[in-house]
């Protein structure tokens, strides 16, 4: 059962990483990276490191996402491609 969970988490991590690289919209990339960070948090929790998982959830999925979104919203778009 745990091997299946690890396999599913690994597949989701690979998919979110590839998606974050290939999307064109910056906000979509930020939210995809946030999902990646949350999946890493689940991996840490499954491996038995709740302190690392909690830190990853708060810093990686929480604070970083807010800062990236704020930075994107304060920039201007130069071209319309």
PDB file of N, CA and C in Angstrom:
ATOM      1  N   UNK A   1       0.820  -1.193   0.000  1.00  0.00           N
ATOM      2  CA  UNK A   1       0.000   0.000   0.000  1.00  0.00           C
ATOM      3  C   UNK A   1       0.866   1.259   0.000  1.00  0.00           C
ATOM      4  N   UNK A   2       1.920   1.263   0.819  1.00  0.00           N
ATOM      5  CA  UNK A   2       2.803   2.427   0.857  1.00  0.00           C
ATOM      6  C   UNK A   2       3.590   2.579  -0.434  1.00  0.00           C
ATOM      7  N   UNK A   3       3.929   1.457  -1.061  1.00  0.00           N
ATOM      8  CA  UNK A   3       4.642   1.539  -2.333  1.00  0.00           C
ATOM      9  C   UNK A   3       3.759   2.177  -3.396  1.00  0.00           C
ATOM     10  N   UNK A   4       2.470   1.865  -3.376  1.00  0.00           N
ATOM     11  CA  UNK A   4       1.544   2.469  -4.325  1.00  0.00           C
ATOM     12  C   UNK A   4       1.414   3.972  -4.066  1.00  0.00           C
ATOM     13  N   UNK A   5       1.337   4.362  -2.800  1.00  0.00           N
ATOM     14  CA  UNK A   5       1.269   5.776  -2.454  1.00  0.00           C
ATOM     15  C   UNK A   5       2.532   6.507  -2.902  1.00  0.00           C
ATOM     16  N   UNK A   6       3.684   5.904  -2.662  1.00  0.00           N
ATOM     17  CA  UNK A   6       4.945   6.520  -3.102  1.00  0.00           C
ATOM     18  C   UNK A   6       4.996   6.660  -4.617  1.00  0.00           C
ATOM     19  N   UNK A   7       4.504   5.650  -5.326  1.00  0.00           N
ATOM     20  CA  UNK A   7       4.506   5.693  -6.787  1.00  0.00           C
ATOM     21  C   UNK A   7       3.583   6.790  -7.305  1.00  0.00           C
ATOM     22  N   UNK A   8       2.406   6.911  -6.725  1.00  0.00           N
ATOM     23  CA  UNK A   8       1.465   7.947  -7.143  1.00  0.00           C
ATOM     24  C   UNK A   8       2.036   9.334  -6.846  1.00  0.00           C
ATOM     25  N   UNK A   9       2.622   9.515  -5.667  1.00  0.00           N
ATOM     26  CA  UNK A   9       3.228  10.806  -5.332  1.00  0.00           C
ATOM     27  C   UNK A   9       4.372  11.150  -6.276  1.00  0.00           C
ATOM     28  N   UNK A  10       5.176  10.161  -6.633  1.00  0.00           N
ATOM     29  CA  UNK A  10       6.276  10.386  -7.566  1.00  0.00           C
ATOM     30  C   UNK A  10       5.751  10.802  -8.936  1.00  0.00           C
ATOM     31  N   UNK A  11       4.723  10.120  -9.414  1.00  0.00           N
ATOM     32  CA  UNK A  11       4.151  10.495 -10.706  1.00  0.00           C
ATOM     33  C   UNK A  11       3.575  11.909 -10.680  1.00  0.00           C
ATOM     34  N   UNK A  12       2.870  12.245  -9.612  1.00  0.00           N
ATOM     35  CA  UNK A  12       2.313  13.589  -9.492  1.00  0.00           C
ATOM     36  C   UNK A  12       3.413  14.648  -9.405  1.00  0.00           C
ATOM     37  N   UNK A  13       4.506  14.332  -8.718  1.00  0.00           N
ATOM     38  CA  UNK A  13       5.629  15.265  -8.641  1.00  0.00           C
ATOM     39  C   UNK A  13       6.241  15.503 -10.019  1.00  0.00           C
ATOM     40  N   UNK A  14       6.416  14.450 -10.779  1.00  0.00           N
ATOM     41  CA  UNK A  14       6.987  14.583 -12.117  1.00  0.00           C
ATOM     42  C   UNK A  14       6.051  15.384 -13.017  1.00  0.00           C
ATOM     43  N   UNK A  15       4.755  15.098 -12.939  1.00  0.00           N
ATOM     44  CA  UNK A  15       3.791  15.821 -13.769  1.00  0.00           C
ATOM     45  C   UNK A  15       3.725  17.303 -13.424  1.00  0.00           C
ATOM     46  N   UNK A  16       3.721  17.632 -12.138  1.00  0.00           N
ATOM     47  CA  UNK A  16       3.665  19.047 -11.770  1.00  0.00           C
ATOM     48  C   UNK A  16       4.958  19.773 -12.138  1.00  0.00           C
ATOM     49  N   UNK A  17       6.089  19.098 -12.027  1.00  0.00           N
ATOM     50  CA  UNK A  17       7.352  19.730 -12.421  1.00  0.00           C
ATOM     51  C   UNK A  17       7.379  20.018 -13.914  1.00  0.00           C
ATOM     52  N   UNK A  18       6.947  19.065 -14.719  1.00  0.00           N
ATOM     53  CA  UNK A  18       6.913  19.267 -16.167  1.00  0.00           C
ATOM     54  C   UNK A  18       5.911  20.357 -16.526  1.00  0.00           C
ATOM     55  N   UNK A  19       4.760  20.345 -15.873  1.00  0.00           N
ATOM     56  CA  UNK A  19       3.743  21.363 -16.140  1.00  0.00           C
ATOM     57  C   UNK A  19       4.242  22.759 -15.769  1.00  0.00           C
ATOM     58  N   UNK A  20       4.946  22.877 -14.656  1.00  0.00           N
ATOM     59  CA  UNK A  20       5.466  24.184 -14.238  1.00  0.00           C
ATOM     60  C   UNK A  20       6.484  24.727 -15.231  1.00  0.00           C
ATOM     61  N   UNK A  21       7.199  23.861 -15.890  1.00  0.00           N
ATOM     62  CA  UNK A  21       8.192  24.303 -16.867  1.00  0.00           C
ATOM     63  C   UNK A  21       7.539  24.735 -18.171  1.00  0.00           C
ATOM     64  N   UNK A  22       6.468  24.062 -18.568  1.00  0.00           N
ATOM     65  CA  UNK A  22       5.909  24.278 -19.895  1.00  0.00           C
ATOM     66  C   UNK A  22       4.756  25.273 -19.974  1.00  0.00           C
ATOM     67  N   UNK A  23       4.232  25.732 -18.866  1.00  0.00           N
ATOM     68  CA  UNK A  23       3.124  26.692 -18.950  1.00  0.00           C
ATOM     69  C   UNK A  23       3.659  28.065 -19.341  1.00  0.00           C
ATOM     70  N   UNK A  24       2.816  28.850 -19.988  1.00  0.00           N
ATOM     71  CA  UNK A  24       3.217  30.183 -20.448  1.00  0.00           C
ATOM     72  C   UNK A  24       2.845  31.278 -19.460  1.00  0.00           C
ATOM     73  N   UNK A  25       1.792  31.074 -18.684  1.00  0.00           N
ATOM     74  CA  UNK A  25       1.324  32.084 -17.754  1.00  0.00           C
ATOM     75  C   UNK A  25       2.095  31.985 -16.437  1.00  0.00           C
ATOM     76  N   UNK A  26       2.552  33.123 -15.929  1.00  0.00           N
ATOM     77  CA  UNK A  26       3.346  33.126 -14.707  1.00  0.00           C
ATOM     78  C   UNK A  26       2.538  32.704 -13.481  1.00  0.00           C
ATOM     79  N   UNK A  27       1.297  33.150 -13.397  1.00  0.00           N
ATOM     80  CA  UNK A  27       0.467  32.760 -12.249  1.00  0.00           C
ATOM     81  C   UNK A  27       0.205  31.262 -12.234  1.00  0.00           C
ATOM     82  N   UNK A  28      -0.006  30.680 -13.389  1.00  0.00           N
ATOM     83  CA  UNK A  28      -0.196  29.235 -13.467  1.00  0.00           C
ATOM     84  C   UNK A  28       1.062  28.500 -13.024  1.00  0.00           C
ATOM     85  N   UNK A  29       2.210  29.007 -13.413  1.00  0.00           N
ATOM     86  CA  UNK A  29       3.475  28.394 -12.994  1.00  0.00           C
ATOM     87  C   UNK A  29       3.655  28.484 -11.482  1.00  0.00           C
ATOM     88  N   UNK A  30       3.282  29.613 -10.895  1.00  0.00           N
ATOM     89  CA  UNK A  30       3.412  29.779  -9.444  1.00  0.00           C
ATOM     90  C   UNK A  30       2.509  28.794  -8.709  1.00  0.00           C
ATOM     91  N   UNK A  31       1.273  28.665  -9.160  1.00  0.00           N
ATOM     92  CA  UNK A  31       0.359  27.744  -8.485  1.00  0.00           C
ATOM     93  C   UNK A  31       0.736  26.291  -8.730  1.00  0.00           C
ATOM     94  N   UNK A  32       1.337  26.004  -9.860  1.00  0.00           N
ATOM     95  CA  UNK A  32       1.831  24.656 -10.107  1.00  0.00           C
ATOM     96  C   UNK A  32       3.018  24.348  -9.193  1.00  0.00           C
ATOM     97  N   UNK A  33       3.898  25.313  -9.006  1.00  0.00           N
ATOM     98  CA  UNK A  33       5.007  25.115  -8.072  1.00  0.00           C
ATOM     99  C   UNK A  33       4.523  24.992  -6.636  1.00  0.00           C
ATOM    100  N   UNK A  34       3.447  25.663  -6.312  1.00  0.00           N
ATOM    101  CA  UNK A  34       2.847  25.523  -4.995  1.00  0.00           C
ATOM    102  C   UNK A  34       2.301  24.108  -4.801  1.00  0.00           C
ATOM    103  N   UNK A  35       1.673  23.580  -5.831  1.00  0.00           N
ATOM    104  CA  UNK A  35       1.189  22.202  -5.769  1.00  0.00           C
ATOM    105  C   UNK A  35       2.351  21.220  -5.643  1.00  0.00           C
ATOM    106  N   UNK A  36       3.437  21.498  -6.352  1.00  0.00           N
ATOM    107  CA  UNK A  36       4.640  20.667  -6.243  1.00  0.00           C
ATOM    108  C   UNK A  36       5.177  20.677  -4.809  1.00  0.00           C
ATOM    109  N   UNK A  37       5.212  21.844  -4.213  1.00  0.00           N
ATOM    110  CA  UNK A  37       5.694  21.965  -2.845  1.00  0.00           C
ATOM    111  C   UNK A  37       4.792  21.208  -1.869  1.00  0.00           C
ATOM    112  N   UNK A  38       3.487  21.286  -2.104  1.00  0.00           N
ATOM    113  CA  UNK A  38       2.560  20.544  -1.255  1.00  0.00           C
ATOM    114  C   UNK A  38       2.748  19.036  -1.414  1.00  0.00           C
ATOM    115  N   UNK A  39       3.012  18.573  -2.627  1.00  0.00           N
ATOM    116  CA  UNK A  39       3.261  17.146  -2.833  1.00  0.00           C
ATOM    117  C   UNK A  39       4.556  16.708  -2.145  1.00  0.00           C
ATOM    118  N   UNK A  40       5.572  17.550  -2.195  1.00  0.00           N
ATOM    119  CA  UNK A  40       6.813  17.247  -1.474  1.00  0.00           C
ATOM    120  C   UNK A  40       6.539  17.173   0.025  1.00  0.00           C
ATOM    121  N   UNK A  41       5.657  18.046   0.505  1.00  0.00           N
ATOM    122  CA  UNK A  41       5.254  18.015   1.910  1.00  0.00           C
ATOM    123  C   UNK A  41       4.621  16.664   2.260  1.00  0.00           C
ATOM    124  N   UNK A  42       3.777  16.162   1.365  1.00  0.00           N
ATOM    125  CA  UNK A  42       3.172  14.849   1.598  1.00  0.00           C
ATOM    126  C   UNK A  42       4.213  13.731   1.595  1.00  0.00           C
ATOM    127  N   UNK A  43       5.214  13.855   0.738  1.00  0.00           N
ATOM    128  CA  UNK A  43       6.287  12.852   0.710  1.00  0.00           C
ATOM    129  C   UNK A  43       7.052  12.861   2.024  1.00  0.00           C
ATOM    130  N   UNK A  44       7.387  14.043   2.520  1.00  0.00           N
ATOM    131  CA  UNK A  44       8.094  14.136   3.796  1.00  0.00           C
ATOM    132  C   UNK A  44       7.260  13.561   4.936  1.00  0.00           C
ATOM    133  N   UNK A  45       5.976  13.851   4.934  1.00  0.00           N
ATOM    134  CA  UNK A  45       5.107  13.316   5.989  1.00  0.00           C
ATOM    135  C   UNK A  45       5.016  11.798   5.906  1.00  0.00           C
ATOM    136  N   UNK A  46       4.960  11.275   4.691  1.00  0.00           N
ATOM    137  CA  UNK A  46       4.889   9.824   4.525  1.00  0.00           C
ATOM    138  C   UNK A  46       6.195   9.149   4.933  1.00  0.00           C
ATOM    139  N   UNK A  47       7.303   9.842   4.777  1.00  0.00           N
ATOM    140  CA  UNK A  47       8.596   9.292   5.161  1.00  0.00           C
ATOM    141  C   UNK A  47       8.865   9.395   6.659  1.00  0.00           C
ATOM    142  N   UNK A  48       7.963  10.066   7.376  1.00  0.00           N
ATOM    143  CA  UNK A  48       8.102  10.130   8.825  1.00  0.00           C
ATOM    144  C   UNK A  48       8.861  11.337   9.328  1.00  0.00           C
ATOM    145  N   UNK A  49       8.843  12.417   8.580  1.00  0.00           N
ATOM    146  CA  UNK A  49       9.511  13.652   8.995  1.00  0.00           C
ATOM    147  C   UNK A  49       8.470  14.770   9.077  1.00  0.00           C
ATOM    148  N   UNK A  50       7.644  14.774  10.124  1.00  0.00           N
ATOM    149  CA  UNK A  50       6.565  15.774  10.181  1.00  0.00           C
ATOM    150  C   UNK A  50       7.068  17.198  10.349  1.00  0.00           C
ATOM    151  N   UNK A  51       8.220  17.386  11.002  1.00  0.00           N
ATOM    152  CA  UNK A  51       8.752  18.735  11.170  1.00  0.00           C
ATOM    153  C   UNK A  51       9.189  19.325   9.833  1.00  0.00           C
ATOM    154  N   UNK A  52       9.831  18.521   9.001  1.00  0.00           N
ATOM    155  CA  UNK A  52      10.252  18.973   7.681  1.00  0.00           C
ATOM    156  C   UNK A  52       9.023  19.197   6.797  1.00  0.00           C
ATOM    157  N   UNK A  53       8.030  18.315   6.922  1.00  0.00           N
ATOM    158  CA  UNK A  53       6.800  18.459   6.139  1.00  0.00           C
ATOM    159  C   UNK A  53       6.068  19.742   6.507  1.00  0.00           C
ATOM    160  N   UNK A  54       6.000  20.047   7.792  1.00  0.00           N
ATOM    161  CA  UNK A  54       5.326  21.266   8.226  1.00  0.00           C
ATOM    162  C   UNK A  54       6.066  22.501   7.731  1.00  0.00           C
ATOM    163  N   UNK A  55       7.378  22.482   7.805  1.00  0.00           N
ATOM    164  CA  UNK A  55       8.173  23.613   7.314  1.00  0.00           C
ATOM    165  C   UNK A  55       8.006  23.787   5.817  1.00  0.00           C
ATOM    166  N   UNK A  56       8.011  22.695   5.088  1.00  0.00           N
ATOM    167  CA  UNK A  56       7.810  22.766   3.632  1.00  0.00           C
ATOM    168  C   UNK A  56       6.426  23.297   3.298  1.00  0.00           C
ATOM    169  N   UNK A  57       5.433  22.907   4.059  1.00  0.00           N
ATOM    170  CA  UNK A  57       4.071  23.374   3.798  1.00  0.00           C
ATOM    171  C   UNK A  57       3.935  24.868   4.064  1.00  0.00           C
ATOM    172  N   UNK A  58       4.521  25.334   5.149  1.00  0.00           N
ATOM    173  CA  UNK A  58       4.363  26.750   5.480  1.00  0.00           C
ATOM    174  C   UNK A  58       5.224  27.640   4.598  1.00  0.00           C
ATOM    175  N   UNK A  59       6.468  27.271   4.412  1.00  0.00           N
ATOM    176  CA  UNK A  59       7.376  28.116   3.641  1.00  0.00           C
ATOM    177  C   UNK A  59       7.212  27.881   2.142  1.00  0.00           C
ATOM    178  N   UNK A  60       7.248  26.637   1.727  1.00  0.00           N
ATOM    179  CA  UNK A  60       7.208  26.329   0.299  1.00  0.00           C
ATOM    180  C   UNK A  60       5.867  26.586  -0.338  1.00  0.00           C
ATOM    181  N   UNK A  61       4.805  26.042   0.258  1.00  0.00           N
ATOM    182  CA  UNK A  61       3.483  26.181  -0.351  1.00  0.00           C
ATOM    183  C   UNK A  61       2.776  27.445   0.103  1.00  0.00           C
ATOM    184  N   UNK A  62       3.145  27.992   1.228  1.00  0.00           N
ATOM    185  CA  UNK A  62       2.437  29.154   1.748  1.00  0.00           C
ATOM    186  C   UNK A  62       3.103  30.471   1.442  1.00  0.00           C
ATOM    187  N   UNK A  63       4.194  30.736   2.116  1.00  0.00           N
ATOM    188  CA  UNK A  63       4.847  32.048   2.033  1.00  0.00           C
ATOM    189  C   UNK A  63       5.413  32.311   0.640  1.00  0.00           C
ATOM    190  N   UNK A  64       6.055  31.328   0.053  1.00  0.00           N
ATOM    191  CA  UNK A  64       6.642  31.531  -1.278  1.00  0.00           C
ATOM    192  C   UNK A  64       5.577  31.844  -2.315  1.00  0.00           C
ATOM    193  N   UNK A  65       4.451  31.158  -2.233  1.00  0.00           N
ATOM    194  CA  UNK A  65       3.376  31.409  -3.189  1.00  0.00           C
ATOM    195  C   UNK A  65       2.849  32.828  -3.061  1.00  0.00           C
ATOM    196  N   UNK A  66       2.656  33.279  -1.839  1.00  0.00           N
ATOM    197  CA  UNK A  66       2.164  34.641  -1.617  1.00  0.00           C
ATOM    198  C   UNK A  66       3.164  35.667  -2.146  1.00  0.00           C
ATOM    199  N   UNK A  67       4.435  35.454  -1.892  1.00  0.00           N
ATOM    200  CA  UNK A  67       5.454  36.399  -2.375  1.00  0.00           C
ATOM    201  C   UNK A  67       5.559  36.398  -3.898  1.00  0.00           C
ATOM    202  N   UNK A  68       5.490  35.227  -4.512  1.00  0.00           N
ATOM    203  CA  UNK A  68       5.551  35.157  -5.972  1.00  0.00           C
ATOM    204  C   UNK A  68       4.339  35.825  -6.613  1.00  0.00           C
ATOM    205  N   UNK A  69       3.167  35.583  -6.066  1.00  0.00           N
ATOM    206  CA  UNK A  69       1.958  36.200  -6.611  1.00  0.00           C
ATOM    207  C   UNK A  69       2.018  37.722  -6.450  1.00  0.00           C
ATOM    208  N   UNK A  70       2.492  38.183  -5.301  1.00  0.00           N
ATOM    209  CA  UNK A  70       2.623  39.630  -5.097  1.00  0.00           C
ATOM    210  C   UNK A  70       3.616  40.231  -6.079  1.00  0.00           C
ATOM    211  N   UNK A  71       4.707  39.538  -6.328  1.00  0.00           N
ATOM    212  CA  UNK A  71       5.699  40.036  -7.284  1.00  0.00           C
ATOM    213  C   UNK A  71       5.133  40.073  -8.695  1.00  0.00           C
ATOM    214  N   UNK A  72       4.373  39.063  -9.064  1.00  0.00           N
ATOM    215  CA  UNK A  72       3.783  39.040 -10.406  1.00  0.00           C
ATOM    216  C   UNK A  72       2.753  40.148 -10.560  1.00  0.00           C
ATOM    217  N   UNK A  73       1.956  40.370  -9.543  1.00  0.00           N
ATOM    218  CA  UNK A  73       0.919  41.398  -9.628  1.00  0.00           C
ATOM    219  C   UNK A  73       1.489  42.814  -9.641  1.00  0.00           C
ATOM    220  N   UNK A  74       2.713  42.987  -9.151  1.00  0.00           N
ATOM    221  CA  UNK A  74       3.327  44.316  -9.149  1.00  0.00           C
ATOM    222  C   UNK A  74       4.189  44.582 -10.381  1.00  0.00           C
ATOM    223  N   UNK A  75       4.247  43.644 -11.281  1.00  0.00           N
ATOM    224  CA  UNK A  75       4.999  43.860 -12.525  1.00  0.00           C
ATOM    225  C   UNK A  75       4.026  44.171 -13.654  1.00  0.00           C
ATOM    226  N   UNK A  76       4.561  44.764 -14.696  1.00  0.00           N
ATOM    227  CA  UNK A  76       3.732  45.081 -15.859  1.00  0.00           C
ATOM    228  C   UNK A  76       4.111  44.168 -17.003  1.00  0.00           C
ATOM    229  N   UNK A  77       3.143  43.894 -17.841  1.00  0.00           N
ATOM    230  CA  UNK A  77       3.386  43.047 -18.997  1.00  0.00           C
ATOM    231  C   UNK A  77       3.870  43.922 -20.147  1.00  0.00           C
ATOM    232  N   UNK A  78       5.018  43.582 -20.717  1.00  0.00           N
ATOM    233  CA  UNK A  78       5.625  44.400 -21.777  1.00  0.00           C
ATOM    234  C   UNK A  78       5.094  44.063 -23.155  1.00  0.00           C
ATOM    235  N   UNK A  79       4.862  42.803 -23.425  1.00  0.00           N
ATOM    236  CA  UNK A  79       4.401  42.409 -24.750  1.00  0.00           C
ATOM    237  C   UNK A  79       3.136  41.573 -24.631  1.00  0.00           C
ATOM    238  N   UNK A  80       2.480  41.400 -25.738  1.00  0.00           N
ATOM    239  CA  UNK A  80       1.222  40.660 -25.726  1.00  0.00           C
ATOM    240  C   UNK A  80       1.355  39.309 -26.406  1.00  0.00           C
ATOM    241  N   UNK A  81       2.475  38.649 -26.258  1.00  0.00           N
ATOM    242  CA  UNK A  81       2.665  37.349 -26.895  1.00  0.00           C
ATOM    243  C   UNK A  81       2.110  36.345 -25.991  1.00  0.00           C
TER     244      UNK A  81
END
